[in-house]
Protein backbone atom coordinates (compact mmCIF):
# COMPACT_ATOMS: atom_id res chain seq x y z
CA UNK A 1 103.59 97.63 110.73
CA UNK A 2 99.96 98.66 111.11
CA UNK A 3 98.46 99.90 107.85
CA UNK A 4 96.05 102.82 108.25
CA UNK A 5 93.49 104.23 105.82
CA UNK A 6 95.99 106.55 104.11
CA UNK A 7 98.40 103.65 103.58
CA UNK A 8 95.54 101.61 102.09
CA UNK A 9 94.72 104.47 99.72
CA UNK A 10 98.37 104.76 98.70
CA UNK A 11 98.57 101.02 98.07
CA UNK A 12 95.39 101.10 95.97
CA UNK A 13 96.68 104.03 93.90
CA UNK A 14 100.08 102.42 93.34
CA UNK A 15 98.47 99.10 92.51
CA UNK A 16 96.48 100.87 89.81
CA UNK A 17 99.42 102.89 88.47
CA UNK A 18 102.89 102.47 90.00
CA UNK A 19 104.19 105.35 87.89
CA UNK A 20 102.25 108.03 89.77
CA UNK A 21 104.46 110.79 91.13
CA UNK A 22 104.70 111.37 94.87
CA UNK A 23 103.08 114.76 94.28
CA UNK A 24 100.08 113.08 92.57
CA UNK A 25 99.87 110.40 95.25
CA UNK A 26 100.05 112.97 98.01
CA UNK A 27 97.37 115.13 96.40
CA UNK A 28 95.06 112.12 96.11
CA UNK A 29 95.38 111.23 99.81
CA UNK A 30 95.72 114.73 101.25
CA UNK A 31 99.46 114.75 101.98
CA UNK A 32 102.33 116.82 100.70
CA UNK A 33 105.04 115.19 98.62
CA UNK A 34 107.58 114.46 101.40
CA UNK A 35 105.22 112.79 103.92
CA UNK A 36 103.77 110.76 101.05
CA UNK A 37 107.25 109.66 99.98
CA UNK A 38 108.07 108.66 103.59
CA UNK A 39 104.91 106.58 103.85
CA UNK A 40 105.66 104.78 100.60
CA UNK A 41 109.22 104.13 101.79
CA UNK A 42 107.83 102.69 105.04
CA UNK A 43 105.43 100.46 103.10
CA UNK A 44 108.35 99.23 100.97
CA UNK A 45 110.53 98.60 104.05
CA UNK A 46 107.70 96.69 105.74
CA UNK A 47 107.25 94.47 102.67
CA UNK A 48 103.71 95.68 101.93
CA UNK A 49 105.02 96.79 98.54
CA UNK A 50 106.98 93.95 96.99
CA UNK A 51 108.17 95.85 93.94
CA UNK A 52 107.16 97.78 90.85
CA UNK A 53 106.52 96.01 87.57
CA UNK A 54 105.30 96.50 84.05
CA UNK A 55 102.49 94.12 83.09
CA UNK A 56 103.68 92.40 79.92
CA UNK A 57 101.26 90.72 77.53
CA UNK A 58 102.58 87.16 76.98
CA UNK A 59 101.07 87.10 73.49
CA UNK A 60 103.19 90.09 72.47
CA UNK A 61 106.24 87.90 73.10
CA UNK A 62 104.80 84.86 71.32
CA UNK A 63 103.95 83.07 74.57
CA UNK A 64 100.42 82.14 73.56
CA UNK A 65 99.99 78.86 75.45
CA UNK A 66 99.27 78.89 79.17
CA UNK A 67 99.08 75.74 81.26
CA UNK A 68 98.52 74.96 84.90
CA UNK A 69 100.38 71.92 86.17
CA UNK A 70 99.61 70.11 89.42
CA UNK A 71 102.82 68.44 90.59
CA UNK A 72 103.61 65.79 93.21
CA UNK A 73 107.14 65.76 94.60
CA UNK A 74 108.99 63.19 96.67
CA UNK A 75 108.85 64.10 100.38
CA UNK A 76 112.57 64.69 100.85
CA UNK A 77 112.98 66.80 97.67
CA UNK A 78 110.73 69.80 98.25
CA UNK A 79 113.50 72.35 98.83
CA UNK A 80 115.48 71.22 95.80
CA UNK A 81 112.31 71.26 93.69
CA UNK A 82 111.40 74.79 94.84
CA UNK A 83 114.93 76.03 94.09
CA UNK A 84 114.74 74.55 90.58
CA UNK A 85 111.30 76.09 90.00
CA UNK A 86 112.58 79.55 90.95
CA UNK A 87 115.33 79.19 88.34
CA UNK A 88 113.17 77.96 85.42
CA UNK A 89 111.98 80.76 83.11
CA UNK A 90 108.89 78.97 81.78
CA UNK A 91 107.40 78.61 85.28
CA UNK A 92 105.98 82.07 85.89
CA UNK A 93 104.16 81.27 89.15
CA UNK A 94 104.18 78.33 91.51
CA UNK A 95 102.27 77.71 94.73
CA UNK A 96 102.62 75.02 97.37
CA UNK A 97 99.20 73.43 97.79
CA UNK A 98 97.25 71.14 100.07
CA UNK A 99 95.35 68.24 98.55
CA UNK A 100 96.12 65.55 96.01
CA UNK A 101 99.28 67.28 94.76
CA UNK A 102 102.03 69.38 96.31
CA UNK A 103 102.32 72.31 93.88
CA UNK A 104 100.40 74.24 91.26
CA UNK A 105 102.60 75.82 88.58
CA UNK A 106 101.62 78.33 85.90
CA UNK A 107 103.56 77.72 82.70
CA UNK A 108 103.82 80.00 79.67
CA UNK A 109 104.93 78.42 76.39
CA UNK A 110 105.14 79.53 72.77
CA UNK A 111 102.77 76.83 71.56
CA UNK A 112 101.71 73.24 72.28
CA UNK A 113 104.97 71.85 70.89
CA UNK A 114 106.98 74.11 73.21
CA UNK A 115 104.82 73.04 76.16
CA UNK A 116 105.26 69.38 75.23
CA UNK A 117 109.05 69.79 75.19
CA UNK A 118 108.92 71.47 78.61
CA UNK A 119 106.77 68.70 80.10
CA UNK A 120 108.80 65.84 78.60
CA UNK A 121 112.31 67.23 78.92
CA UNK A 122 112.30 69.79 81.73
CA UNK A 123 109.55 69.14 84.24
CA UNK A 124 110.34 65.43 84.65
CA UNK A 125 113.95 66.36 85.38
CA UNK A 126 113.17 68.78 88.20
CA UNK A 127 114.25 67.31 91.55
CA UNK A 128 111.80 64.88 93.12
CA UNK A 129 108.99 65.09 90.53
CA UNK A 130 106.94 61.91 90.81
CA UNK A 131 103.87 62.78 88.73
CA UNK A 132 102.00 65.73 87.30
CA UNK A 133 98.72 66.63 85.63
CA UNK A 134 98.42 69.43 83.11
CA UNK A 135 95.45 71.66 82.33
CA UNK A 136 95.64 73.90 79.25
CA UNK A 137 94.09 77.36 79.51
CA UNK A 138 91.86 78.20 76.54
CA UNK A 139 91.78 81.94 77.21
CA UNK A 140 92.45 84.35 80.02
CA UNK A 141 89.38 85.72 81.80
CA UNK A 142 91.02 87.76 84.57
CA UNK A 143 94.54 88.50 85.66
CA UNK A 144 96.11 90.98 88.02
CA UNK A 145 93.08 91.44 90.23
CA UNK A 146 93.28 94.15 92.85
CA UNK A 147 94.70 92.99 96.18
CA UNK A 148 93.65 96.24 97.87
CA UNK A 149 90.06 95.91 96.62
CA UNK A 150 89.97 92.35 97.95
CA UNK A 151 91.36 93.42 101.34
CA UNK A 152 88.88 96.30 101.54
CA UNK A 153 85.73 94.31 100.79
CA UNK A 154 83.04 93.93 103.43
CA UNK A 155 83.21 90.69 105.38
């Protein structure tokens, strides 16, 4: 589905505040409520909008330790590993990578002891894990950057 300037504006507005009403969205982009609603539905159907979420502060839920783990997996175990990653609640993000390791996982833990238990008891038991290297985040600098601002930047 080609995305035009109005669609880009709608995506930027929703990315900033997904709770905006269709009337507010439409007013901002120069459409009435129904055509705006239809455009948003089309963006959802096309997969341009993956979903609507609240941004939760991990610290508010006592998840104060963030780690990034580079993981190498046995060649024939990638699908099983990915399935296990999707099911594990402490792994909040995971990306397949190119380079020295196969995956980069973002882990949220309560504290260092909780992270240690995850690394020793859970991560090693995921299918095909051969080795991993962990980096502890000291503090968060930026999260939830704007995808629409990135897409709209000058080349």
